[in-house]
Amino acid sequence: MIFGTFIAAVFFSLITPGPGVLSTAGVGANYGFRAGLRYVSGLFVGNNAVYLLVAGGMFSLLEALPVLRFSLAIISLLYLFYLALKIALAGSKVGFIHPDKPPSFFSGVFLQFVNPKAYAVNAFFLSNFPLLTDAPITEVAVKFAIINLFWVPIHLAWLGLGVWVQRLELAPKVQRAINIAMAVAMLMVVGLAAFVAGTG
């Protein structure tokens, strides 16, 4: 049960917009798939580095301070809720971030280190969904593998979406509907976490 809930949370957290996927779609829309692959590679390295940074001191702190786990869960949930509202209120333009020039591999790495969603989502994954409470290191490794199994195809899909959307002239109503759908997906993540907290 908890594994299935975690997988659902990973999927909806990663597929919904943040600076990483929005800029990925923007690179695809403006500079094509090849330039986007270089940028996504940097995002991948940066996100995994952030995950390891968050995980590095998390479990020892959580064992000593259970209130910290609760606080991290609340903070990450509030940020995800804020992000969902921001997406829903984006108006009639799909909320892609459009860079002025093709970003490099290192631009992708750097973005993840300054990307609040990267920290919030990774803290969310690590401080919620206790998969293997008796083996915290194994739990970190299992979550790392599951996250990356979804992270790579989802970001490639956003890159492809950016390339595809650039070729279309979507009506404002369609673009607004896309924004609302993305916001609903993010709110589903918040609901999943609240469910886990209530049954844990």
N, C-alpha and C. Protein backbone atom coordinates (compact mmCIF):
# COMPACT_ATOMS: atom_id res chain seq x y z
N MET A 1 0.83 -1.21 0.00
CA MET A 1 0.00 0.00 0.00
C MET A 1 0.86 1.26 0.00
N ILE A 2 1.83 1.30 0.94
CA ILE A 2 2.65 2.50 1.04
C ILE A 2 3.54 2.66 -0.17
N PHE A 3 4.00 1.54 -0.76
CA PHE A 3 4.82 1.62 -1.96
C PHE A 3 4.01 2.20 -3.12
N GLY A 4 2.77 1.73 -3.26
CA GLY A 4 1.92 2.24 -4.33
C GLY A 4 1.62 3.72 -4.16
N THR A 5 1.37 4.13 -2.93
CA THR A 5 1.11 5.55 -2.66
C THR A 5 2.34 6.39 -2.96
N PHE A 6 3.52 5.87 -2.57
CA PHE A 6 4.75 6.59 -2.85
C PHE A 6 4.98 6.74 -4.35
N ILE A 7 4.76 5.67 -5.10
CA ILE A 7 4.95 5.72 -6.55
C ILE A 7 4.00 6.74 -7.18
N ALA A 8 2.74 6.76 -6.72
CA ALA A 8 1.79 7.74 -7.24
C ALA A 8 2.24 9.16 -6.91
N ALA A 9 2.73 9.37 -5.69
CA ALA A 9 3.20 10.70 -5.30
C ALA A 9 4.40 11.12 -6.13
N VAL A 10 5.32 10.20 -6.39
CA VAL A 10 6.48 10.51 -7.23
C VAL A 10 6.02 10.93 -8.62
N PHE A 11 5.11 10.16 -9.20
CA PHE A 11 4.64 10.46 -10.55
C PHE A 11 4.01 11.84 -10.63
N PHE A 12 3.07 12.12 -9.74
CA PHE A 12 2.36 13.40 -9.81
C PHE A 12 3.26 14.57 -9.41
N SER A 13 4.20 14.34 -8.49
CA SER A 13 5.12 15.42 -8.10
C SER A 13 6.04 15.80 -9.25
N LEU A 14 6.54 14.79 -9.97
CA LEU A 14 7.52 15.06 -11.03
C LEU A 14 6.87 15.55 -12.31
N ILE A 15 5.65 15.10 -12.59
CA ILE A 15 5.03 15.47 -13.86
C ILE A 15 4.46 16.89 -13.82
N THR A 16 4.22 17.41 -12.62
CA THR A 16 3.66 18.75 -12.51
C THR A 16 4.76 19.80 -12.53
N PRO A 17 4.43 21.03 -12.93
CA PRO A 17 5.47 22.01 -13.24
C PRO A 17 6.21 22.57 -12.04
N GLY A 18 7.46 22.80 -12.27
CA GLY A 18 8.36 23.54 -11.41
C GLY A 18 9.38 24.18 -12.33
N PRO A 19 10.34 24.89 -11.81
CA PRO A 19 11.34 25.53 -12.67
C PRO A 19 12.05 24.56 -13.60
N GLY A 20 12.31 23.33 -13.13
CA GLY A 20 13.03 22.36 -13.95
C GLY A 20 12.27 21.94 -15.19
N VAL A 21 11.04 21.44 -15.02
CA VAL A 21 10.30 20.96 -16.18
C VAL A 21 9.82 22.11 -17.06
N LEU A 22 9.49 23.25 -16.47
CA LEU A 22 9.04 24.38 -17.28
C LEU A 22 10.17 24.92 -18.14
N SER A 23 11.37 25.01 -17.58
CA SER A 23 12.50 25.47 -18.38
C SER A 23 12.89 24.42 -19.41
N THR A 24 12.72 23.14 -19.07
CA THR A 24 12.97 22.08 -20.05
C THR A 24 12.04 22.21 -21.24
N ALA A 25 10.76 22.42 -20.98
CA ALA A 25 9.81 22.61 -22.06
C ALA A 25 10.14 23.87 -22.86
N GLY A 26 10.59 24.92 -22.16
CA GLY A 26 10.97 26.15 -22.85
C GLY A 26 12.16 25.95 -23.76
N VAL A 27 13.14 25.18 -23.33
CA VAL A 27 14.30 24.89 -24.17
C VAL A 27 13.86 24.10 -25.40
N GLY A 28 12.98 23.12 -25.20
CA GLY A 28 12.49 22.36 -26.33
C GLY A 28 11.73 23.22 -27.31
N ALA A 29 10.91 24.14 -26.80
CA ALA A 29 10.11 25.01 -27.66
C ALA A 29 10.98 25.98 -28.45
N ASN A 30 12.08 26.43 -27.85
CA ASN A 30 12.89 27.47 -28.49
C ASN A 30 14.10 26.94 -29.24
N TYR A 31 14.69 25.83 -28.78
CA TYR A 31 15.98 25.41 -29.34
C TYR A 31 16.02 23.96 -29.80
N GLY A 32 14.93 23.21 -29.61
CA GLY A 32 14.88 21.87 -30.13
C GLY A 32 15.32 20.80 -29.15
N PHE A 33 15.16 19.56 -29.59
CA PHE A 33 15.37 18.41 -28.70
C PHE A 33 16.83 18.22 -28.33
N ARG A 34 17.74 18.42 -29.27
CA ARG A 34 19.16 18.16 -28.98
C ARG A 34 19.70 19.09 -27.90
N ALA A 35 19.41 20.39 -28.03
CA ALA A 35 19.85 21.33 -27.00
C ALA A 35 19.21 21.00 -25.66
N GLY A 36 17.97 20.53 -25.71
CA GLY A 36 17.28 20.18 -24.49
C GLY A 36 17.89 18.98 -23.77
N LEU A 37 18.40 18.01 -24.53
CA LEU A 37 19.02 16.84 -23.91
C LEU A 37 20.22 17.23 -23.06
N ARG A 38 21.01 18.16 -23.56
CA ARG A 38 22.17 18.63 -22.80
C ARG A 38 21.72 19.27 -21.49
N TYR A 39 20.71 20.08 -21.57
CA TYR A 39 20.19 20.77 -20.39
C TYR A 39 19.57 19.79 -19.40
N VAL A 40 18.78 18.83 -19.89
CA VAL A 40 18.14 17.84 -19.02
C VAL A 40 19.19 16.99 -18.30
N SER A 41 20.30 16.69 -18.99
CA SER A 41 21.38 15.94 -18.34
C SER A 41 21.90 16.69 -17.12
N GLY A 42 22.04 18.00 -17.24
CA GLY A 42 22.47 18.80 -16.10
C GLY A 42 21.45 18.81 -14.98
N LEU A 43 20.17 18.92 -15.35
CA LEU A 43 19.11 18.86 -14.34
C LEU A 43 19.15 17.53 -13.59
N PHE A 44 19.40 16.46 -14.32
CA PHE A 44 19.44 15.12 -13.72
C PHE A 44 20.54 15.02 -12.67
N VAL A 45 21.74 15.46 -13.05
CA VAL A 45 22.86 15.43 -12.11
C VAL A 45 22.57 16.32 -10.91
N GLY A 46 22.05 17.52 -11.17
CA GLY A 46 21.77 18.45 -10.08
C GLY A 46 20.70 17.95 -9.14
N ASN A 47 19.64 17.35 -9.69
CA ASN A 47 18.57 16.85 -8.82
C ASN A 47 19.05 15.71 -7.93
N ASN A 48 19.86 14.82 -8.49
CA ASN A 48 20.37 13.72 -7.67
C ASN A 48 21.33 14.22 -6.60
N ALA A 49 22.08 15.27 -6.92
CA ALA A 49 22.97 15.85 -5.91
C ALA A 49 22.16 16.46 -4.78
N VAL A 50 21.07 17.16 -5.12
CA VAL A 50 20.20 17.73 -4.10
C VAL A 50 19.57 16.62 -3.25
N TYR A 51 19.13 15.55 -3.90
CA TYR A 51 18.55 14.42 -3.17
C TYR A 51 19.53 13.87 -2.14
N LEU A 52 20.78 13.68 -2.56
CA LEU A 52 21.78 13.13 -1.66
C LEU A 52 22.13 14.11 -0.54
N LEU A 53 22.12 15.40 -0.86
CA LEU A 53 22.36 16.40 0.18
C LEU A 53 21.26 16.38 1.22
N VAL A 54 20.01 16.32 0.74
CA VAL A 54 18.88 16.29 1.67
C VAL A 54 18.90 15.00 2.48
N ALA A 55 19.20 13.88 1.81
CA ALA A 55 19.20 12.59 2.49
C ALA A 55 20.37 12.44 3.45
N GLY A 56 21.48 13.10 3.15
CA GLY A 56 22.70 12.91 3.91
C GLY A 56 22.54 13.12 5.41
N GLY A 57 21.84 14.17 5.79
CA GLY A 57 21.68 14.42 7.22
C GLY A 57 20.28 14.23 7.72
N MET A 58 19.40 13.75 6.84
CA MET A 58 17.99 13.76 7.21
C MET A 58 17.64 12.69 8.24
N PHE A 59 18.05 11.46 8.01
CA PHE A 59 17.55 10.39 8.87
C PHE A 59 18.11 10.46 10.28
N SER A 60 19.35 10.89 10.42
CA SER A 60 19.89 11.04 11.77
C SER A 60 19.16 12.14 12.52
N LEU A 61 18.83 13.21 11.81
CA LEU A 61 18.08 14.29 12.45
C LEU A 61 16.65 13.87 12.78
N LEU A 62 16.04 13.11 11.86
CA LEU A 62 14.67 12.68 12.09
C LEU A 62 14.57 11.72 13.27
N GLU A 63 15.59 10.89 13.43
CA GLU A 63 15.58 9.97 14.57
C GLU A 63 15.70 10.74 15.88
N ALA A 64 16.51 11.80 15.88
CA ALA A 64 16.71 12.57 17.11
C ALA A 64 15.57 13.56 17.36
N LEU A 65 14.99 14.07 16.28
CA LEU A 65 13.96 15.11 16.40
C LEU A 65 12.74 14.74 15.55
N PRO A 66 11.82 13.94 16.07
CA PRO A 66 10.63 13.58 15.30
C PRO A 66 9.82 14.80 14.85
N VAL A 67 9.89 15.88 15.62
CA VAL A 67 9.15 17.08 15.23
C VAL A 67 9.69 17.65 13.93
N LEU A 68 10.97 17.39 13.64
CA LEU A 68 11.55 17.88 12.39
C LEU A 68 10.91 17.21 11.19
N ARG A 69 10.64 15.92 11.31
CA ARG A 69 9.99 15.20 10.22
C ARG A 69 8.62 15.81 9.92
N PHE A 70 7.88 16.09 11.00
CA PHE A 70 6.56 16.69 10.83
C PHE A 70 6.68 18.08 10.20
N SER A 71 7.64 18.87 10.67
CA SER A 71 7.83 20.23 10.15
C SER A 71 8.20 20.21 8.68
N LEU A 72 9.11 19.31 8.29
CA LEU A 72 9.50 19.21 6.89
C LEU A 72 8.32 18.80 6.02
N ALA A 73 7.52 17.88 6.53
CA ALA A 73 6.35 17.45 5.78
C ALA A 73 5.39 18.61 5.55
N ILE A 74 5.14 19.40 6.60
CA ILE A 74 4.22 20.54 6.48
C ILE A 74 4.77 21.59 5.52
N ILE A 75 6.06 21.92 5.64
CA ILE A 75 6.66 22.93 4.78
C ILE A 75 6.60 22.51 3.32
N SER A 76 6.96 21.26 3.04
CA SER A 76 6.96 20.79 1.66
C SER A 76 5.54 20.75 1.10
N LEU A 77 4.57 20.35 1.92
CA LEU A 77 3.18 20.34 1.47
C LEU A 77 2.68 21.75 1.17
N LEU A 78 3.02 22.70 2.02
CA LEU A 78 2.60 24.09 1.80
C LEU A 78 3.20 24.64 0.51
N TYR A 79 4.48 24.31 0.25
CA TYR A 79 5.10 24.79 -0.98
C TYR A 79 4.42 24.18 -2.20
N LEU A 80 4.12 22.89 -2.16
CA LEU A 80 3.47 22.24 -3.29
C LEU A 80 2.07 22.82 -3.51
N PHE A 81 1.37 23.14 -2.42
CA PHE A 81 0.05 23.76 -2.55
C PHE A 81 0.17 25.14 -3.18
N TYR A 82 1.17 25.92 -2.73
CA TYR A 82 1.42 27.24 -3.31
C TYR A 82 1.71 27.13 -4.80
N LEU A 83 2.53 26.15 -5.17
CA LEU A 83 2.89 25.96 -6.57
C LEU A 83 1.66 25.60 -7.40
N ALA A 84 0.78 24.78 -6.84
CA ALA A 84 -0.45 24.42 -7.55
C ALA A 84 -1.32 25.65 -7.81
N LEU A 85 -1.45 26.52 -6.82
CA LEU A 85 -2.24 27.74 -7.00
C LEU A 85 -1.62 28.64 -8.06
N LYS A 86 -0.29 28.73 -8.04
CA LYS A 86 0.40 29.58 -9.01
C LYS A 86 0.16 29.08 -10.44
N ILE A 87 0.17 27.77 -10.61
CA ILE A 87 -0.07 27.18 -11.93
C ILE A 87 -1.51 27.45 -12.37
N ALA A 88 -2.45 27.22 -11.46
CA ALA A 88 -3.87 27.39 -11.80
C ALA A 88 -4.19 28.83 -12.18
N LEU A 89 -3.47 29.79 -11.59
CA LEU A 89 -3.73 31.21 -11.84
C LEU A 89 -2.84 31.78 -12.93
N ALA A 90 -2.17 30.91 -13.70
CA ALA A 90 -1.25 31.39 -14.73
C ALA A 90 -1.96 32.02 -15.91
N GLY A 91 -3.29 31.84 -16.00
CA GLY A 91 -4.03 32.49 -17.06
C GLY A 91 -4.15 31.64 -18.31
N SER A 92 -4.19 32.30 -19.46
CA SER A 92 -4.47 31.62 -20.72
C SER A 92 -3.22 31.31 -21.53
N LYS A 93 -2.06 31.35 -20.90
CA LYS A 93 -0.81 30.95 -21.57
C LYS A 93 -0.20 29.80 -20.78
N VAL A 94 0.15 28.73 -21.49
CA VAL A 94 0.81 27.61 -20.82
C VAL A 94 2.10 28.12 -20.20
N GLY A 95 2.29 27.78 -18.90
CA GLY A 95 3.35 28.43 -18.13
C GLY A 95 4.74 27.92 -18.35
N PHE A 96 5.21 27.80 -19.59
CA PHE A 96 6.59 27.42 -19.84
C PHE A 96 7.52 28.59 -19.56
N ILE A 97 8.71 28.28 -19.07
CA ILE A 97 9.76 29.28 -18.89
C ILE A 97 10.62 29.28 -20.15
N HIS A 98 10.80 30.44 -20.76
CA HIS A 98 11.51 30.53 -22.04
C HIS A 98 12.86 31.21 -21.84
N PRO A 99 13.96 30.45 -21.87
CA PRO A 99 15.29 31.04 -21.71
C PRO A 99 15.68 31.85 -22.93
N ASP A 100 16.52 32.88 -22.72
CA ASP A 100 16.95 33.75 -23.80
C ASP A 100 17.96 33.09 -24.73
N LYS A 101 18.74 32.15 -24.24
CA LYS A 101 19.72 31.44 -25.07
C LYS A 101 19.79 29.99 -24.62
N PRO A 102 20.29 29.10 -25.48
CA PRO A 102 20.33 27.68 -25.10
C PRO A 102 21.15 27.47 -23.83
N PRO A 103 20.57 26.93 -22.79
CA PRO A 103 21.31 26.73 -21.55
C PRO A 103 22.25 25.54 -21.66
N SER A 104 23.32 25.58 -20.90
CA SER A 104 24.34 24.53 -20.93
C SER A 104 24.01 23.42 -19.93
N PHE A 105 24.82 22.38 -19.96
CA PHE A 105 24.73 21.30 -18.97
C PHE A 105 24.85 21.87 -17.56
N PHE A 106 25.83 22.75 -17.35
CA PHE A 106 26.07 23.30 -16.02
C PHE A 106 24.95 24.24 -15.58
N SER A 107 24.24 24.84 -16.55
CA SER A 107 23.07 25.64 -16.20
C SER A 107 22.00 24.77 -15.56
N GLY A 108 21.84 23.56 -16.09
CA GLY A 108 20.87 22.63 -15.52
C GLY A 108 21.26 22.20 -14.11
N VAL A 109 22.55 21.90 -13.92
CA VAL A 109 23.03 21.53 -12.59
C VAL A 109 22.79 22.66 -11.60
N PHE A 110 23.16 23.87 -12.00
CA PHE A 110 23.03 25.03 -11.11
C PHE A 110 21.57 25.30 -10.76
N LEU A 111 20.68 25.17 -11.75
CA LEU A 111 19.27 25.46 -11.49
C LEU A 111 18.73 24.58 -10.36
N GLN A 112 19.12 23.32 -10.34
CA GLN A 112 18.60 22.43 -9.30
C GLN A 112 19.09 22.83 -7.91
N PHE A 113 20.30 23.37 -7.83
CA PHE A 113 20.81 23.78 -6.52
C PHE A 113 20.09 25.01 -5.98
N VAL A 114 19.49 25.81 -6.88
CA VAL A 114 18.76 27.01 -6.43
C VAL A 114 17.25 26.85 -6.63
N ASN A 115 16.81 25.65 -6.99
CA ASN A 115 15.41 25.38 -7.28
C ASN A 115 14.69 24.95 -6.00
N PRO A 116 13.80 25.77 -5.47
CA PRO A 116 13.13 25.39 -4.22
C PRO A 116 12.29 24.12 -4.35
N LYS A 117 11.75 23.87 -5.56
CA LYS A 117 10.96 22.66 -5.72
C LYS A 117 11.83 21.41 -5.55
N ALA A 118 13.08 21.46 -6.02
CA ALA A 118 13.96 20.30 -5.89
C ALA A 118 14.16 19.94 -4.42
N TYR A 119 14.38 20.95 -3.58
CA TYR A 119 14.56 20.69 -2.14
C TYR A 119 13.25 20.26 -1.50
N ALA A 120 12.15 20.96 -1.84
CA ALA A 120 10.87 20.66 -1.22
C ALA A 120 10.39 19.26 -1.57
N VAL A 121 10.49 18.90 -2.85
CA VAL A 121 10.00 17.59 -3.28
C VAL A 121 10.87 16.47 -2.72
N ASN A 122 12.18 16.65 -2.73
CA ASN A 122 13.05 15.60 -2.18
C ASN A 122 12.86 15.47 -0.67
N ALA A 123 12.69 16.58 0.03
CA ALA A 123 12.38 16.51 1.46
C ALA A 123 11.03 15.84 1.68
N PHE A 124 10.09 16.14 0.81
CA PHE A 124 8.76 15.53 0.86
C PHE A 124 8.85 14.01 0.71
N PHE A 125 9.63 13.56 -0.28
CA PHE A 125 9.78 12.12 -0.49
C PHE A 125 10.47 11.44 0.69
N LEU A 126 11.46 12.10 1.25
CA LEU A 126 12.25 11.48 2.31
C LEU A 126 11.58 11.56 3.68
N SER A 127 10.83 12.62 3.93
CA SER A 127 10.22 12.78 5.25
C SER A 127 8.84 12.16 5.35
N ASN A 128 8.26 11.78 4.22
CA ASN A 128 6.99 11.07 4.18
C ASN A 128 7.23 9.66 3.63
N PHE A 129 6.19 8.86 3.60
CA PHE A 129 6.23 7.53 2.98
C PHE A 129 7.31 6.63 3.57
N PRO A 130 7.16 6.22 4.82
CA PRO A 130 8.16 5.33 5.45
C PRO A 130 8.09 3.93 4.86
N LEU A 131 8.93 3.66 3.87
CA LEU A 131 8.90 2.37 3.18
C LEU A 131 9.60 1.28 3.98
N LEU A 132 10.77 1.61 4.52
CA LEU A 132 11.59 0.62 5.23
C LEU A 132 12.13 1.28 6.50
N THR A 133 11.30 1.41 7.50
CA THR A 133 11.68 2.17 8.69
C THR A 133 12.83 1.52 9.45
N ASP A 134 13.01 0.21 9.31
CA ASP A 134 14.10 -0.47 10.02
C ASP A 134 15.42 -0.44 9.25
N ALA A 135 15.38 0.06 8.02
CA ALA A 135 16.59 0.10 7.19
C ALA A 135 16.64 1.43 6.45
N PRO A 136 16.96 2.53 7.15
CA PRO A 136 16.90 3.86 6.54
C PRO A 136 17.80 4.05 5.33
N ILE A 137 19.00 3.45 5.34
CA ILE A 137 19.90 3.61 4.19
C ILE A 137 19.31 2.90 2.97
N THR A 138 18.78 1.71 3.19
CA THR A 138 18.13 1.00 2.09
C THR A 138 16.93 1.77 1.58
N GLU A 139 16.18 2.40 2.49
CA GLU A 139 15.03 3.20 2.07
C GLU A 139 15.46 4.35 1.18
N VAL A 140 16.54 5.03 1.55
CA VAL A 140 17.05 6.13 0.73
C VAL A 140 17.42 5.62 -0.66
N ALA A 141 18.07 4.45 -0.73
CA ALA A 141 18.48 3.89 -2.02
C ALA A 141 17.28 3.48 -2.86
N VAL A 142 16.28 2.86 -2.23
CA VAL A 142 15.09 2.43 -2.96
C VAL A 142 14.34 3.64 -3.50
N LYS A 143 14.17 4.65 -2.68
CA LYS A 143 13.48 5.86 -3.13
C LYS A 143 14.26 6.54 -4.26
N PHE A 144 15.59 6.56 -4.14
CA PHE A 144 16.45 7.14 -5.18
C PHE A 144 16.20 6.45 -6.51
N ALA A 145 16.15 5.12 -6.50
CA ALA A 145 15.94 4.36 -7.73
C ALA A 145 14.55 4.61 -8.31
N ILE A 146 13.53 4.60 -7.47
CA ILE A 146 12.16 4.81 -7.95
C ILE A 146 12.00 6.20 -8.54
N ILE A 147 12.53 7.19 -7.85
CA ILE A 147 12.43 8.57 -8.33
C ILE A 147 13.05 8.71 -9.71
N ASN A 148 14.24 8.14 -9.89
CA ASN A 148 14.92 8.29 -11.18
C ASN A 148 14.26 7.49 -12.29
N LEU A 149 13.60 6.38 -11.95
CA LEU A 149 12.86 5.63 -12.95
C LEU A 149 11.73 6.47 -13.56
N PHE A 150 11.20 7.40 -12.77
CA PHE A 150 10.17 8.30 -13.27
C PHE A 150 10.76 9.61 -13.78
N TRP A 151 11.82 10.10 -13.13
CA TRP A 151 12.37 11.42 -13.45
C TRP A 151 12.81 11.50 -14.91
N VAL A 152 13.54 10.51 -15.38
CA VAL A 152 14.11 10.58 -16.74
C VAL A 152 13.02 10.62 -17.81
N PRO A 153 12.09 9.65 -17.88
CA PRO A 153 11.08 9.73 -18.94
C PRO A 153 10.16 10.93 -18.82
N ILE A 154 9.86 11.36 -17.59
CA ILE A 154 8.98 12.52 -17.43
C ILE A 154 9.64 13.78 -17.98
N HIS A 155 10.91 13.99 -17.69
CA HIS A 155 11.58 15.19 -18.20
C HIS A 155 11.78 15.13 -19.71
N LEU A 156 12.03 13.94 -20.24
CA LEU A 156 12.11 13.81 -21.70
C LEU A 156 10.75 14.09 -22.33
N ALA A 157 9.68 13.68 -21.65
CA ALA A 157 8.34 13.96 -22.17
C ALA A 157 8.06 15.46 -22.16
N TRP A 158 8.46 16.17 -21.09
CA TRP A 158 8.28 17.62 -21.05
C TRP A 158 9.10 18.30 -22.15
N LEU A 159 10.29 17.79 -22.41
CA LEU A 159 11.11 18.34 -23.49
C LEU A 159 10.40 18.15 -24.83
N GLY A 160 9.89 16.95 -25.06
CA GLY A 160 9.15 16.70 -26.29
C GLY A 160 7.88 17.53 -26.38
N LEU A 161 7.22 17.74 -25.24
CA LEU A 161 6.01 18.57 -25.22
C LEU A 161 6.32 20.00 -25.65
N GLY A 162 7.45 20.52 -25.16
CA GLY A 162 7.84 21.87 -25.56
C GLY A 162 8.06 21.98 -27.06
N VAL A 163 8.72 20.98 -27.65
CA VAL A 163 8.95 20.96 -29.09
C VAL A 163 7.61 20.91 -29.83
N TRP A 164 6.71 20.09 -29.32
CA TRP A 164 5.41 19.90 -29.98
C TRP A 164 4.52 21.13 -29.86
N VAL A 165 4.43 21.71 -28.66
CA VAL A 165 3.56 22.86 -28.44
C VAL A 165 3.99 24.04 -29.30
N GLN A 166 5.31 24.19 -29.50
CA GLN A 166 5.81 25.29 -30.31
C GLN A 166 5.25 25.23 -31.73
N ARG A 167 4.96 24.02 -32.20
CA ARG A 167 4.46 23.86 -33.57
C ARG A 167 2.95 24.09 -33.68
N LEU A 168 2.30 24.23 -32.55
CA LEU A 168 0.85 24.41 -32.53
C LEU A 168 0.50 25.85 -32.16
N GLU A 169 -0.71 26.22 -32.48
CA GLU A 169 -1.24 27.51 -32.04
C GLU A 169 -2.50 27.21 -31.22
N LEU A 170 -2.28 26.92 -29.95
CA LEU A 170 -3.39 26.52 -29.09
C LEU A 170 -4.25 27.71 -28.70
N ALA A 171 -5.55 27.48 -28.66
CA ALA A 171 -6.48 28.52 -28.23
C ALA A 171 -6.26 28.84 -26.76
N PRO A 172 -6.54 30.09 -26.35
CA PRO A 172 -6.37 30.46 -24.93
C PRO A 172 -7.12 29.53 -23.98
N LYS A 173 -8.33 29.09 -24.37
CA LYS A 173 -9.09 28.19 -23.49
C LYS A 173 -8.35 26.87 -23.28
N VAL A 174 -7.72 26.38 -24.33
CA VAL A 174 -6.98 25.12 -24.22
C VAL A 174 -5.78 25.29 -23.30
N GLN A 175 -5.07 26.41 -23.45
CA GLN A 175 -3.91 26.65 -22.60
C GLN A 175 -4.32 26.81 -21.14
N ARG A 176 -5.45 27.47 -20.90
CA ARG A 176 -5.94 27.62 -19.53
C ARG A 176 -6.31 26.26 -18.95
N ALA A 177 -6.93 25.41 -19.77
CA ALA A 177 -7.30 24.07 -19.31
C ALA A 177 -6.07 23.25 -18.96
N ILE A 178 -5.00 23.40 -19.72
CA ILE A 178 -3.75 22.69 -19.43
C ILE A 178 -3.21 23.13 -18.07
N ASN A 179 -3.22 24.44 -17.82
CA ASN A 179 -2.74 24.95 -16.53
C ASN A 179 -3.56 24.39 -15.37
N ILE A 180 -4.87 24.36 -15.53
CA ILE A 180 -5.73 23.86 -14.46
C ILE A 180 -5.47 22.37 -14.22
N ALA A 181 -5.30 21.61 -15.30
CA ALA A 181 -5.03 20.18 -15.15
C ALA A 181 -3.72 19.94 -14.41
N MET A 182 -2.70 20.74 -14.70
CA MET A 182 -1.43 20.60 -14.01
C MET A 182 -1.57 20.94 -12.53
N ALA A 183 -2.36 21.96 -12.24
CA ALA A 183 -2.57 22.34 -10.84
C ALA A 183 -3.32 21.24 -10.08
N VAL A 184 -4.31 20.64 -10.73
CA VAL A 184 -5.06 19.56 -10.08
C VAL A 184 -4.14 18.38 -9.77
N ALA A 185 -3.24 18.07 -10.70
CA ALA A 185 -2.29 16.97 -10.46
C ALA A 185 -1.42 17.26 -9.24
N MET A 186 -0.98 18.52 -9.10
CA MET A 186 -0.17 18.88 -7.94
C MET A 186 -0.98 18.76 -6.65
N LEU A 187 -2.24 19.16 -6.69
CA LEU A 187 -3.09 19.04 -5.51
C LEU A 187 -3.34 17.58 -5.15
N MET A 188 -3.33 16.70 -6.14
CA MET A 188 -3.45 15.27 -5.85
C MET A 188 -2.26 14.78 -5.03
N VAL A 189 -1.08 15.34 -5.31
CA VAL A 189 0.11 14.98 -4.52
C VAL A 189 -0.10 15.40 -3.07
N VAL A 190 -0.59 16.61 -2.87
CA VAL A 190 -0.85 17.10 -1.51
C VAL A 190 -1.85 16.19 -0.81
N GLY A 191 -2.90 15.78 -1.54
CA GLY A 191 -3.89 14.90 -0.95
C GLY A 191 -3.33 13.53 -0.58
N LEU A 192 -2.46 12.99 -1.44
CA LEU A 192 -1.82 11.70 -1.13
C LEU A 192 -1.00 11.79 0.15
N ALA A 193 -0.24 12.87 0.27
CA ALA A 193 0.60 13.02 1.46
C ALA A 193 -0.25 13.18 2.72
N ALA A 194 -1.34 13.93 2.60
CA ALA A 194 -2.23 14.10 3.75
C ALA A 194 -2.86 12.77 4.15
N PHE A 195 -3.18 11.95 3.14
CA PHE A 195 -3.74 10.62 3.42
C PHE A 195 -2.74 9.75 4.17
N VAL A 196 -1.49 9.76 3.71
CA VAL A 196 -0.44 8.98 4.37
C VAL A 196 -0.25 9.45 5.80
N ALA A 197 -0.23 10.79 5.98
CA ALA A 197 -0.05 11.33 7.33
C ALA A 197 -1.19 10.92 8.25
N GLY A 198 -2.39 10.87 7.68
CA GLY A 198 -3.55 10.52 8.51
C GLY A 198 -3.64 9.05 8.86
N THR A 199 -3.02 8.20 8.02
CA THR A 199 -3.09 6.75 8.27
C THR A 199 -1.81 6.18 8.84
N GLY A 200 -0.76 7.06 8.92
CA GLY A 200 0.53 6.56 9.39
C GLY A 200 0.59 6.47 10.90
